[in-house]
Amino acid sequence: MNLKKGDVVVYKTNEDVDLTVRKIEGEKVSCLRFDKNTLKQEIYSIGELSLSPYQEANITIAIDDEVQLKSGGPMMKVIKVDSSEVVCVWKDDKTNFKETFNDYELKEYKSIYNGLF
């Protein structure tokens, strides 16, 4: 399998969870995913992963855009763009979060309500 940064993959023993590839070093793959509103970074071997059929194209990102991790998660607001690094904020009921992502890890946020109202 030929993985690249930003690909959406699944862990072969739990194909219900999409992961976004952050970094590849030899046989080790660093992946991001959200567990509810909490960002998790996990490391897998290439052999434990398979490519998801749901791939997202890279996008151009600007301040105030609404984005989410390519593998899903909460809506995040872009507050800073510096070259390929994107600083995003999001919140749950009680906590505000802030994290820096690579632009290739993000996609445009699409609400399930788009077009309904």
PDB file of N, CA and C in Angstrom:
ATOM      1  N   MET A   1       0.857  -1.177   0.000  1.00  0.00           N
ATOM      2  CA  MET A   1       0.000   0.000   0.000  1.00  0.00           C
ATOM      3  C   MET A   1       0.900   1.236   0.000  1.00  0.00           C
ATOM      4  N   ASN A   2       0.541   2.204  -0.818  1.00  0.00           N
ATOM      5  CA  ASN A   2       1.320   3.432  -0.956  1.00  0.00           C
ATOM      6  C   ASN A   2       0.589   4.581  -0.248  1.00  0.00           C
ATOM      7  N   LEU A   3       0.893   4.792   1.032  1.00  0.00           N
ATOM      8  CA  LEU A   3       0.249   5.849   1.818  1.00  0.00           C
ATOM      9  C   LEU A   3       0.968   7.170   1.647  1.00  0.00           C
ATOM     10  N   LYS A   4       0.192   8.263   1.813  1.00  0.00           N
ATOM     11  CA  LYS A   4       0.797   9.594   1.852  1.00  0.00           C
ATOM     12  C   LYS A   4       0.117  10.413   2.948  1.00  0.00           C
ATOM     13  N   LYS A   5       0.789  11.465   3.362  1.00  0.00           N
ATOM     14  CA  LYS A   5       0.233  12.337   4.392  1.00  0.00           C
ATOM     15  C   LYS A   5      -1.124  12.875   3.933  1.00  0.00           C
ATOM     16  N   GLY A   6      -2.079  12.882   4.848  1.00  0.00           N
ATOM     17  CA  GLY A   6      -3.415  13.374   4.540  1.00  0.00           C
ATOM     18  C   GLY A   6      -4.385  12.304   4.085  1.00  0.00           C
ATOM     19  N   ASP A   7      -3.888  11.082   3.792  1.00  0.00           N
ATOM     20  CA  ASP A   7      -4.795   9.999   3.413  1.00  0.00           C
ATOM     21  C   ASP A   7      -5.697   9.633   4.580  1.00  0.00           C
ATOM     22  N   VAL A   8      -6.892   9.165   4.259  1.00  0.00           N
ATOM     23  CA  VAL A   8      -7.803   8.633   5.266  1.00  0.00           C
ATOM     24  C   VAL A   8      -7.662   7.115   5.226  1.00  0.00           C
ATOM     25  N   VAL A   9      -7.386   6.527   6.396  1.00  0.00           N
ATOM     26  CA  VAL A   9      -7.171   5.088   6.510  1.00  0.00           C
ATOM     27  C   VAL A   9      -8.052   4.531   7.617  1.00  0.00           C
ATOM     28  N   VAL A  10      -8.138   3.203   7.671  1.00  0.00           N
ATOM     29  CA  VAL A  10      -8.826   2.524   8.768  1.00  0.00           C
ATOM     30  C   VAL A  10      -7.892   1.478   9.355  1.00  0.00           C
ATOM     31  N   TYR A  11      -8.045   1.253  10.641  1.00  0.00           N
ATOM     32  CA  TYR A  11      -7.326   0.201  11.347  1.00  0.00           C
ATOM     33  C   TYR A  11      -8.045  -1.095  11.022  1.00  0.00           C
ATOM     34  N   LYS A  12      -7.338  -2.079  10.522  1.00  0.00           N
ATOM     35  CA  LYS A  12      -7.971  -3.292   9.988  1.00  0.00           C
ATOM     36  C   LYS A  12      -8.856  -4.021  11.002  1.00  0.00           C
ATOM     37  N   THR A  13      -8.555  -3.927  12.299  1.00  0.00           N
ATOM     38  CA  THR A  13      -9.389  -4.623  13.280  1.00  0.00           C
ATOM     39  C   THR A  13     -10.559  -3.781  13.773  1.00  0.00           C
ATOM     40  N   ASN A  14     -10.618  -2.510  13.363  1.00  0.00           N
ATOM     41  CA  ASN A  14     -11.745  -1.646  13.724  1.00  0.00           C
ATOM     42  C   ASN A  14     -12.019  -0.703  12.559  1.00  0.00           C
ATOM     43  N   GLU A  15     -12.649  -1.210  11.532  1.00  0.00           N
ATOM     44  CA  GLU A  15     -12.853  -0.426  10.318  1.00  0.00           C
ATOM     45  C   GLU A  15     -13.966   0.606  10.438  1.00  0.00           C
ATOM     46  N   ASP A  16     -14.551   0.742  11.631  1.00  0.00           N
ATOM     47  CA  ASP A  16     -15.584   1.753  11.846  1.00  0.00           C
ATOM     48  C   ASP A  16     -14.988   3.126  12.151  1.00  0.00           C
ATOM     49  N   VAL A  17     -13.690   3.187  12.399  1.00  0.00           N
ATOM     50  CA  VAL A  17     -13.039   4.436  12.786  1.00  0.00           C
ATOM     51  C   VAL A  17     -12.077   4.885  11.694  1.00  0.00           C
ATOM     52  N   ASP A  18     -12.358   6.047  11.111  1.00  0.00           N
ATOM     53  CA  ASP A  18     -11.444   6.620  10.123  1.00  0.00           C
ATOM     54  C   ASP A  18     -10.316   7.363  10.830  1.00  0.00           C
ATOM     55  N   LEU A  19      -9.138   7.321  10.226  1.00  0.00           N
ATOM     56  CA  LEU A  19      -7.949   7.979  10.755  1.00  0.00           C
ATOM     57  C   LEU A  19      -7.342   8.832   9.654  1.00  0.00           C
ATOM     58  N   THR A  20      -6.749   9.954  10.017  1.00  0.00           N
ATOM     59  CA  THR A  20      -6.057  10.801   9.051  1.00  0.00           C
ATOM     60  C   THR A  20      -4.558  10.636   9.248  1.00  0.00           C
ATOM     61  N   VAL A  21      -3.845  10.316   8.176  1.00  0.00           N
ATOM     62  CA  VAL A  21      -2.398  10.120   8.253  1.00  0.00           C
ATOM     63  C   VAL A  21      -1.709  11.466   8.439  1.00  0.00           C
ATOM     64  N   ARG A  22      -0.929  11.575   9.521  1.00  0.00           N
ATOM     65  CA  ARG A  22      -0.170  12.794   9.808  1.00  0.00           C
ATOM     66  C   ARG A  22       1.279  12.676   9.352  1.00  0.00           C
ATOM     67  N   LYS A  23       1.906  11.540   9.658  1.00  0.00           N
ATOM     68  CA  LYS A  23       3.327  11.389   9.372  1.00  0.00           C
ATOM     69  C   LYS A  23       3.631   9.915   9.107  1.00  0.00           C
ATOM     70  N   ILE A  24       4.575   9.667   8.219  1.00  0.00           N
ATOM     71  CA  ILE A  24       5.012   8.302   7.905  1.00  0.00           C
ATOM     72  C   ILE A  24       6.518   8.255   8.082  1.00  0.00           C
ATOM     73  N   GLU A  25       6.977   7.342   8.934  1.00  0.00           N
ATOM     74  CA  GLU A  25       8.406   7.149   9.165  1.00  0.00           C
ATOM     75  C   GLU A  25       8.710   5.665   9.076  1.00  0.00           C
ATOM     76  N   GLY A  26       9.231   5.245   7.940  1.00  0.00           N
ATOM     77  CA  GLY A  26       9.497   3.822   7.726  1.00  0.00           C
ATOM     78  C   GLY A  26       8.195   3.050   7.735  1.00  0.00           C
ATOM     79  N   GLU A  27       8.074   2.087   8.634  1.00  0.00           N
ATOM     80  CA  GLU A  27       6.862   1.266   8.754  1.00  0.00           C
ATOM     81  C   GLU A  27       5.859   1.836   9.751  1.00  0.00           C
ATOM     82  N   LYS A  28       6.213   2.925  10.442  1.00  0.00           N
ATOM     83  CA  LYS A  28       5.340   3.532  11.448  1.00  0.00           C
ATOM     84  C   LYS A  28       4.546   4.684  10.842  1.00  0.00           C
ATOM     85  N   VAL A  29       3.251   4.698  11.151  1.00  0.00           N
ATOM     86  CA  VAL A  29       2.351   5.726  10.621  1.00  0.00           C
ATOM     87  C   VAL A  29       1.667   6.417  11.798  1.00  0.00           C
ATOM     88  N   SER A  30       1.859   7.721  11.898  1.00  0.00           N
ATOM     89  CA  SER A  30       1.202   8.521  12.927  1.00  0.00           C
ATOM     90  C   SER A  30      -0.132   9.005  12.356  1.00  0.00           C
ATOM     91  N   CYS A  31      -1.223   8.726  13.078  1.00  0.00           N
ATOM     92  CA  CYS A  31      -2.571   9.063  12.604  1.00  0.00           C
ATOM     93  C   CYS A  31      -3.312   9.895  13.636  1.00  0.00           C
ATOM     94  N   LEU A  32      -4.222  10.732  13.138  1.00  0.00           N
ATOM     95  CA  LEU A  32      -5.088  11.546  13.984  1.00  0.00           C
ATOM     96  C   LEU A  32      -6.529  11.076  13.850  1.00  0.00           C
ATOM     97  N   ARG A  33      -7.266  11.201  14.950  1.00  0.00           N
ATOM     98  CA  ARG A  33      -8.699  10.943  14.922  1.00  0.00           C
ATOM     99  C   ARG A  33      -9.332  11.671  16.093  1.00  0.00           C
ATOM    100  N   PHE A  34     -10.615  11.880  16.009  1.00  0.00           N
ATOM    101  CA  PHE A  34     -11.355  12.461  17.117  1.00  0.00           C
ATOM    102  C   PHE A  34     -12.146  11.369  17.816  1.00  0.00           C
ATOM    103  N   ASP A  35     -12.105  11.382  19.154  1.00  0.00           N
ATOM    104  CA  ASP A  35     -12.976  10.569  19.993  1.00  0.00           C
ATOM    105  C   ASP A  35     -13.886  11.590  20.662  1.00  0.00           C
ATOM    106  N   LYS A  36     -15.085  11.737  20.110  1.00  0.00           N
ATOM    107  CA  LYS A  36     -15.983  12.844  20.450  1.00  0.00           C
ATOM    108  C   LYS A  36     -15.263  14.128  20.078  1.00  0.00           C
ATOM    109  N   ASN A  37     -14.996  15.033  21.023  1.00  0.00           N
ATOM    110  CA  ASN A  37     -14.308  16.281  20.714  1.00  0.00           C
ATOM    111  C   ASN A  37     -12.830  16.254  21.101  1.00  0.00           C
ATOM    112  N   THR A  38     -12.340  15.100  21.532  1.00  0.00           N
ATOM    113  CA  THR A  38     -10.958  14.971  21.963  1.00  0.00           C
ATOM    114  C   THR A  38     -10.093  14.437  20.825  1.00  0.00           C
ATOM    115  N   LEU A  39      -9.044  15.180  20.481  1.00  0.00           N
ATOM    116  CA  LEU A  39      -8.128  14.790  19.424  1.00  0.00           C
ATOM    117  C   LEU A  39      -7.167  13.740  19.953  1.00  0.00           C
ATOM    118  N   LYS A  40      -7.008  12.652  19.215  1.00  0.00           N
ATOM    119  CA  LYS A  40      -6.101  11.562  19.588  1.00  0.00           C
ATOM    120  C   LYS A  40      -5.073  11.392  18.485  1.00  0.00           C
ATOM    121  N   GLN A  41      -3.820  11.173  18.870  1.00  0.00           N
ATOM    122  CA  GLN A  41      -2.777  10.823  17.915  1.00  0.00           C
ATOM    123  C   GLN A  41      -2.282   9.434  18.279  1.00  0.00           C
ATOM    124  N   GLU A  42      -2.304   8.523  17.297  1.00  0.00           N
ATOM    125  CA  GLU A  42      -1.935   7.137  17.543  1.00  0.00           C
ATOM    126  C   GLU A  42      -0.954   6.678  16.474  1.00  0.00           C
ATOM    127  N   ILE A  43      -0.118   5.707  16.831  1.00  0.00           N
ATOM    128  CA  ILE A  43       0.877   5.195  15.888  1.00  0.00           C
ATOM    129  C   ILE A  43       0.550   3.741  15.567  1.00  0.00           C
ATOM    130  N   TYR A  44       0.576   3.430  14.260  1.00  0.00           N
ATOM    131  CA  TYR A  44       0.289   2.094  13.750  1.00  0.00           C
ATOM    132  C   TYR A  44       1.414   1.671  12.824  1.00  0.00           C
ATOM    133  N   SER A  45       1.485   0.379  12.554  1.00  0.00           N
ATOM    134  CA  SER A  45       2.387  -0.073  11.498  1.00  0.00           C
ATOM    135  C   SER A  45       1.596  -0.065  10.192  1.00  0.00           C
ATOM    136  N   ILE A  46       2.280   0.096   9.086  1.00  0.00           N
ATOM    137  CA  ILE A  46       1.610   0.150   7.778  1.00  0.00           C
ATOM    138  C   ILE A  46       0.729  -1.076   7.562  1.00  0.00           C
ATOM    139  N   GLY A  47       1.189  -2.238   7.994  1.00  0.00           N
ATOM    140  CA  GLY A  47       0.438  -3.477   7.805  1.00  0.00           C
ATOM    141  C   GLY A  47      -0.879  -3.538   8.552  1.00  0.00           C
ATOM    142  N   GLU A  48      -1.061  -2.688   9.578  1.00  0.00           N
ATOM    143  CA  GLU A  48      -2.297  -2.671  10.359  1.00  0.00           C
ATOM    144  C   GLU A  48      -3.376  -1.797   9.727  1.00  0.00           C
ATOM    145  N   LEU A  49      -3.030  -1.062   8.668  1.00  0.00           N
ATOM    146  CA  LEU A  49      -3.937  -0.079   8.090  1.00  0.00           C
ATOM    147  C   LEU A  49      -4.349  -0.452   6.679  1.00  0.00           C
ATOM    148  N   SER A  50      -5.529  -0.007   6.310  1.00  0.00           N
ATOM    149  CA  SER A  50      -5.942  -0.099   4.910  1.00  0.00           C
ATOM    150  C   SER A  50      -6.521   1.255   4.507  1.00  0.00           C
ATOM    151  N   LEU A  51      -6.381   1.565   3.234  1.00  0.00           N
ATOM    152  CA  LEU A  51      -6.834   2.843   2.707  1.00  0.00           C
ATOM    153  C   LEU A  51      -8.358   2.880   2.685  1.00  0.00           C
ATOM    154  N   SER A  52      -8.936   3.967   3.180  1.00  0.00           N
ATOM    155  CA  SER A  52     -10.378   4.139   3.145  1.00  0.00           C
ATOM    156  C   SER A  52     -10.800   4.530   1.729  1.00  0.00           C
ATOM    157  N   PRO A  53     -11.974   4.077   1.284  1.00  0.00           N
ATOM    158  CA  PRO A  53     -12.438   4.510  -0.043  1.00  0.00           C
ATOM    159  C   PRO A  53     -12.871   5.976  -0.059  1.00  0.00           C
ATOM    160  N   TYR A  54     -12.982   6.592   1.120  1.00  0.00           N
ATOM    161  CA  TYR A  54     -13.461   7.968   1.220  1.00  0.00           C
ATOM    162  C   TYR A  54     -12.283   8.923   1.369  1.00  0.00           C
ATOM    163  N   GLN A  55     -11.739   9.379   0.274  1.00  0.00           N
ATOM    164  CA  GLN A  55     -10.608  10.294   0.273  1.00  0.00           C
ATOM    165  C   GLN A  55     -11.090  11.705  -0.054  1.00  0.00           C
ATOM    166  N   GLU A  56     -10.479  12.676   0.553  1.00  0.00           N
ATOM    167  CA  GLU A  56     -10.820  14.080   0.333  1.00  0.00           C
ATOM    168  C   GLU A  56      -9.654  14.766  -0.350  1.00  0.00           C
ATOM    169  N   ALA A  57      -9.953  15.626  -1.304  1.00  0.00           N
ATOM    170  CA  ALA A  57      -8.918  16.406  -1.975  1.00  0.00           C
ATOM    171  C   ALA A  57      -8.411  17.485  -1.031  1.00  0.00           C
ATOM    172  N   ASN A  58      -7.166  17.898  -1.219  1.00  0.00           N
ATOM    173  CA  ASN A  58      -6.623  19.008  -0.441  1.00  0.00           C
ATOM    174  C   ASN A  58      -7.321  20.297  -0.846  1.00  0.00           C
ATOM    175  N   ILE A  59      -7.479  21.197   0.115  1.00  0.00           N
ATOM    176  CA  ILE A  59      -8.183  22.455  -0.133  1.00  0.00           C
ATOM    177  C   ILE A  59      -7.288  23.639   0.229  1.00  0.00           C
ATOM    178  N   THR A  60      -7.651  24.811  -0.246  1.00  0.00           N
ATOM    179  CA  THR A  60      -7.006  26.043   0.165  1.00  0.00           C
ATOM    180  C   THR A  60      -7.744  26.554   1.393  1.00  0.00           C
ATOM    181  N   ILE A  61      -6.990  26.868   2.433  1.00  0.00           N
ATOM    182  CA  ILE A  61      -7.592  27.231   3.716  1.00  0.00           C
ATOM    183  C   ILE A  61      -7.250  28.674   4.064  1.00  0.00           C
ATOM    184  N   ALA A  62      -8.251  29.399   4.584  1.00  0.00           N
ATOM    185  CA  ALA A  62      -8.073  30.794   4.983  1.00  0.00           C
ATOM    186  C   ALA A  62      -8.644  31.013   6.381  1.00  0.00           C
ATOM    187  N   ILE A  63      -8.233  32.099   7.008  1.00  0.00           N
ATOM    188  CA  ILE A  63      -8.747  32.461   8.330  1.00  0.00           C
ATOM    189  C   ILE A  63     -10.271  32.576   8.263  1.00  0.00           C
ATOM    190  N   ASP A  64     -10.931  32.095   9.302  1.00  0.00           N
ATOM    191  CA  ASP A  64     -12.389  32.068   9.479  1.00  0.00           C
ATOM    192  C   ASP A  64     -13.081  30.929   8.728  1.00  0.00           C
ATOM    193  N   ASP A  65     -12.336  30.120   7.981  1.00  0.00           N
ATOM    194  CA  ASP A  65     -12.949  28.944   7.343  1.00  0.00           C
ATOM    195  C   ASP A  65     -13.406  27.966   8.418  1.00  0.00           C
ATOM    196  N   GLU A  66     -14.454  27.210   8.112  1.00  0.00           N
ATOM    197  CA  GLU A  66     -14.908  26.118   8.965  1.00  0.00           C
ATOM    198  C   GLU A  66     -14.384  24.825   8.353  1.00  0.00           C
ATOM    199  N   VAL A  67     -13.583  24.093   9.132  1.00  0.00           N
ATOM    200  CA  VAL A  67     -12.924  22.888   8.641  1.00  0.00           C
ATOM    201  C   VAL A  67     -13.128  21.748   9.627  1.00  0.00           C
ATOM    202  N   GLN A  68     -12.731  20.559   9.203  1.00  0.00           N
ATOM    203  CA  GLN A  68     -12.667  19.426  10.104  1.00  0.00           C
ATOM    204  C   GLN A  68     -11.561  18.509   9.618  1.00  0.00           C
ATOM    205  N   LEU A  69     -11.138  17.605  10.479  1.00  0.00           N
ATOM    206  CA  LEU A  69     -10.149  16.611  10.114  1.00  0.00           C
ATOM    207  C   LEU A  69     -10.695  15.795   8.956  1.00  0.00           C
ATOM    208  N   LYS A  70      -9.852  15.383   8.021  1.00  0.00           N
ATOM    209  CA  LYS A  70     -10.340  14.619   6.874  1.00  0.00           C
ATOM    210  C   LYS A  70     -11.083  13.353   7.301  1.00  0.00           C
ATOM    211  N   SER A  71     -10.718  12.787   8.431  1.00  0.00           N
ATOM    212  CA  SER A  71     -11.394  11.585   8.909  1.00  0.00           C
ATOM    213  C   SER A  71     -12.633  11.902   9.739  1.00  0.00           C
ATOM    214  N   GLY A  72     -12.984  13.178   9.861  1.00  0.00           N
ATOM    215  CA  GLY A  72     -14.197  13.559  10.578  1.00  0.00           C
ATOM    216  C   GLY A  72     -13.877  14.259  11.881  1.00  0.00           C
ATOM    217  N   GLY A  73     -14.910  14.546  12.650  1.00  0.00           N
ATOM    218  CA  GLY A  73     -14.744  15.224  13.924  1.00  0.00           C
ATOM    219  C   GLY A  73     -15.568  16.489  13.968  1.00  0.00           C
ATOM    220  N   PRO A  74     -15.344  17.297  15.003  1.00  0.00           N
ATOM    221  CA  PRO A  74     -16.147  18.510  15.182  1.00  0.00           C
ATOM    222  C   PRO A  74     -15.786  19.585  14.163  1.00  0.00           C
ATOM    223  N   MET A  75     -16.672  20.553  14.031  1.00  0.00           N
ATOM    224  CA  MET A  75     -16.388  21.724  13.213  1.00  0.00           C
ATOM    225  C   MET A  75     -15.356  22.563  13.956  1.00  0.00           C
ATOM    226  N   MET A  76     -14.322  22.983  13.226  1.00  0.00           N
ATOM    227  CA  MET A  76     -13.280  23.824  13.804  1.00  0.00           C
ATOM    228  C   MET A  76     -13.202  25.119  13.003  1.00  0.00           C
ATOM    229  N   LYS A  77     -12.887  26.202  13.675  1.00  0.00           N
ATOM    230  CA  LYS A  77     -12.728  27.511  13.040  1.00  0.00           C
ATOM    231  C   LYS A  77     -11.234  27.788  12.898  1.00  0.00           C
ATOM    232  N   VAL A  78     -10.824  28.210  11.694  1.00  0.00           N
ATOM    233  CA  VAL A  78      -9.427  28.549  11.436  1.00  0.00           C
ATOM    234  C   VAL A  78      -9.153  29.947  11.977  1.00  0.00           C
ATOM    235  N   ILE A  79      -8.127  30.058  12.841  1.00  0.00           N
ATOM    236  CA  ILE A  79      -7.791  31.368  13.399  1.00  0.00           C
ATOM    237  C   ILE A  79      -6.438  31.880  12.910  1.00  0.00           C
ATOM    238  N   LYS A  80      -5.628  30.994  12.318  1.00  0.00           N
ATOM    239  CA  LYS A  80      -4.323  31.422  11.815  1.00  0.00           C
ATOM    240  C   LYS A  80      -3.860  30.442  10.750  1.00  0.00           C
ATOM    241  N   VAL A  81      -3.269  30.981   9.678  1.00  0.00           N
ATOM    242  CA  VAL A  81      -2.667  30.156   8.636  1.00  0.00           C
ATOM    243  C   VAL A  81      -1.252  30.663   8.432  1.00  0.00           C
ATOM    244  N   ASP A  82      -0.276  29.772   8.596  1.00  0.00           N
ATOM    245  CA  ASP A  82       1.126  30.129   8.431  1.00  0.00           C
ATOM    246  C   ASP A  82       1.775  29.074   7.558  1.00  0.00           C
ATOM    247  N   SER A  83       1.950  29.406   6.286  1.00  0.00           N
ATOM    248  CA  SER A  83       2.459  28.451   5.298  1.00  0.00           C
ATOM    249  C   SER A  83       1.495  27.262   5.250  1.00  0.00           C
ATOM    250  N   SER A  84       1.972  26.060   5.594  1.00  0.00           N
ATOM    251  CA  SER A  84       1.083  24.892   5.547  1.00  0.00           C
ATOM    252  C   SER A  84       0.517  24.536   6.919  1.00  0.00           C
ATOM    253  N   GLU A  85       0.837  25.324   7.956  1.00  0.00           N
ATOM    254  CA  GLU A  85       0.310  25.078   9.291  1.00  0.00           C
ATOM    255  C   GLU A  85      -0.947  25.901   9.518  1.00  0.00           C
ATOM    256  N   VAL A  86      -1.961  25.243  10.094  1.00  0.00           N
ATOM    257  CA  VAL A  86      -3.266  25.861  10.290  1.00  0.00           C
ATOM    258  C   VAL A  86      -3.644  25.723  11.764  1.00  0.00           C
ATOM    259  N   VAL A  87      -3.897  26.847  12.425  1.00  0.00           N
ATOM    260  CA  VAL A  87      -4.316  26.822  13.824  1.00  0.00           C
ATOM    261  C   VAL A  87      -5.838  26.882  13.860  1.00  0.00           C
ATOM    262  N   CYS A  88      -6.425  25.911  14.561  1.00  0.00           N
ATOM    263  CA  CYS A  88      -7.886  25.801  14.635  1.00  0.00           C
ATOM    264  C   CYS A  88      -8.341  25.796  16.088  1.00  0.00           C
ATOM    265  N   VAL A  89      -9.572  26.256  16.290  1.00  0.00           N
ATOM    266  CA  VAL A  89     -10.205  26.190  17.602  1.00  0.00           C
ATOM    267  C   VAL A  89     -11.555  25.490  17.450  1.00  0.00           C
ATOM    268  N   TRP A  90     -11.964  24.802  18.513  1.00  0.00           N
ATOM    269  CA  TRP A  90     -13.277  24.184  18.580  1.00  0.00           C
ATOM    270  C   TRP A  90     -13.645  24.044  20.043  1.00  0.00           C
ATOM    271  N   LYS A  91     -14.886  23.699  20.334  1.00  0.00           N
ATOM    272  CA  LYS A  91     -15.306  23.585  21.723  1.00  0.00           C
ATOM    273  C   LYS A  91     -16.335  22.482  21.874  1.00  0.00           C
ATOM    274  N   ASP A  92     -16.451  22.018  23.116  1.00  0.00           N
ATOM    275  CA  ASP A  92     -17.570  21.160  23.468  1.00  0.00           C
ATOM    276  C   ASP A  92     -18.386  21.936  24.495  1.00  0.00           C
ATOM    277  N   ASP A  93     -19.209  21.278  25.261  1.00  0.00           N
ATOM    278  CA  ASP A  93     -20.094  21.983  26.197  1.00  0.00           C
ATOM    279  C   ASP A  93     -19.341  22.827  27.222  1.00  0.00           C
ATOM    280  N   LYS A  94     -18.142  22.376  27.643  1.00  0.00           N
ATOM    281  CA  LYS A  94     -17.455  23.043  28.750  1.00  0.00           C
ATOM    282  C   LYS A  94     -16.035  23.512  28.426  1.00  0.00           C
ATOM    283  N   THR A  95     -15.458  23.037  27.355  1.00  0.00           N
ATOM    284  CA  THR A  95     -14.034  23.264  27.121  1.00  0.00           C
ATOM    285  C   THR A  95     -13.774  23.832  25.736  1.00  0.00           C
ATOM    286  N   ASN A  96     -12.835  24.773  25.658  1.00  0.00           N
ATOM    287  CA  ASN A  96     -12.349  25.284  24.387  1.00  0.00           C
ATOM    288  C   ASN A  96     -11.032  24.581  24.063  1.00  0.00           C
ATOM    289  N   PHE A  97     -10.822  24.250  22.797  1.00  0.00           N
ATOM    290  CA  PHE A  97      -9.621  23.554  22.356  1.00  0.00           C
ATOM    291  C   PHE A  97      -8.934  24.367  21.261  1.00  0.00           C
ATOM    292  N   LYS A  98      -7.620  24.213  21.169  1.00  0.00           N
ATOM    293  CA  LYS A  98      -6.838  24.876  20.131  1.00  0.00           C
ATOM    294  C   LYS A  98      -5.727  23.918  19.717  1.00  0.00           C
ATOM    295  N   GLU A  99      -5.535  23.763  18.414  1.00  0.00           N
ATOM    296  CA  GLU A  99      -4.520  22.826  17.922  1.00  0.00           C
ATOM    297  C   GLU A  99      -3.995  23.312  16.578  1.00  0.00           C
ATOM    298  N   THR A 100      -2.752  22.984  16.294  1.00  0.00           N
ATOM    299  CA  THR A 100      -2.149  23.279  15.002  1.00  0.00           C
ATOM    300  C   THR A 100      -2.164  22.013  14.157  1.00  0.00           C
ATOM    301  N   PHE A 101      -2.674  22.132  12.940  1.00  0.00           N
ATOM    302  CA  PHE A 101      -2.745  21.028  11.992  1.00  0.00           C
ATOM    303  C   PHE A 101      -1.935  21.379  10.753  1.00  0.00           C
ATOM    304  N   ASN A 102      -1.633  20.373   9.960  1.00  0.00           N
ATOM    305  CA  ASN A 102      -1.092  20.590   8.623  1.00  0.00           C
ATOM    306  C   ASN A 102      -2.275  20.761   7.676  1.00  0.00           C
ATOM    307  N   ASP A 103      -2.126  21.598   6.665  1.00  0.00           N
ATOM    308  CA  ASP A 103      -3.253  21.845   5.761  1.00  0.00           C
ATOM    309  C   ASP A 103      -3.751  20.572   5.089  1.00  0.00           C
ATOM    310  N   TYR A 104      -2.877  19.613   4.821  1.00  0.00           N
ATOM    311  CA  TYR A 104      -3.285  18.374   4.154  1.00  0.00           C
ATOM    312  C   TYR A 104      -4.124  17.459   5.054  1.00  0.00           C
ATOM    313  N   GLU A 105      -4.242  17.778   6.350  1.00  0.00           N
ATOM    314  CA  GLU A 105      -5.033  16.966   7.280  1.00  0.00           C
ATOM    315  C   GLU A 105      -6.491  17.416   7.363  1.00  0.00           C
ATOM    316  N   LEU A 106      -6.824  18.536   6.726  1.00  0.00           N
ATOM    317  CA  LEU A 106      -8.129  19.154   6.905  1.00  0.00           C
ATOM    318  C   LEU A 106      -8.950  19.170   5.630  1.00  0.00           C
ATOM    319  N   LYS A 107     -10.265  19.224   5.823  1.00  0.00           N
ATOM    320  CA  LYS A 107     -11.215  19.373   4.717  1.00  0.00           C
ATOM    321  C   LYS A 107     -12.240  20.416   5.109  1.00  0.00           C
ATOM    322  N   GLU A 108     -12.992  20.881   4.117  1.00  0.00           N
ATOM    323  CA  GLU A 108     -14.075  21.823   4.378  1.00  0.00           C
ATOM    324  C   GLU A 108     -15.121  21.146   5.251  1.00  0.00           C
ATOM    325  N   TYR A 109     -15.596  21.856   6.275  1.00  0.00           N
ATOM    326  CA  TYR A 109     -16.658  21.329   7.134  1.00  0.00           C
ATOM    327  C   TYR A 109     -17.989  21.433   6.398  1.00  0.00           C
ATOM    328  N   LYS A 110     -18.711  20.339   6.393  1.00  0.00           N
ATOM    329  CA  LYS A 110     -20.041  20.326   5.777  1.00  0.00           C
ATOM    330  C   LYS A 110     -21.024  19.856   6.834  1.00  0.00           C
ATOM    331  N   SER A 111     -21.900  20.739   7.232  1.00  0.00           N
ATOM    332  CA  SER A 111     -22.905  20.405   8.224  1.00  0.00           C
ATOM    333  C   SER A 111     -23.919  19.425   7.635  1.00  0.00           C
ATOM    334  N   ILE A 112     -24.439  18.557   8.466  1.00  0.00           N
ATOM    335  CA  ILE A 112     -25.491  17.645   7.993  1.00  0.00           C
ATOM    336  C   ILE A 112     -26.766  18.422   7.690  1.00  0.00           C
ATOM    337  N   TYR A 113     -26.816  19.688   8.130  1.00  0.00           N
ATOM    338  CA  TYR A 113     -28.005  20.514   7.901  1.00  0.00           C
ATOM    339  C   TYR A 113     -27.899  21.376   6.650  1.00  0.00           C
ATOM    340  N   ASN A 114     -26.735  21.343   5.948  1.00  0.00           N
ATOM    341  CA  ASN A 114     -26.595  22.164   4.742  1.00  0.00           C
ATOM    342  C   ASN A 114     -27.733  21.914   3.778  1.00  0.00           C
ATOM    343  N   GLY A 115     -28.392  22.977   3.376  1.00  0.00           N
ATOM    344  CA  GLY A 115     -29.458  22.864   2.386  1.00  0.00           C
ATOM    345  C   GLY A 115     -30.815  22.504   2.969  1.00  0.00           C
ATOM    346  N   LEU A 116     -30.903  22.227   4.262  1.00  0.00           N
ATOM    347  CA  LEU A 116     -32.188  21.839   4.856  1.00  0.00           C
ATOM    348  C   LEU A 116     -32.975  23.035   5.354  1.00  0.00           C
ATOM    349  N   PHE A 117     -32.294  24.140   5.636  1.00  0.00           N
ATOM    350  CA  PHE A 117     -32.991  25.305   6.193  1.00  0.00           C
ATOM    351  C   PHE A 117     -32.740  26.515   5.328  1.00  0.00           C
TER     352      PHE A 117
END
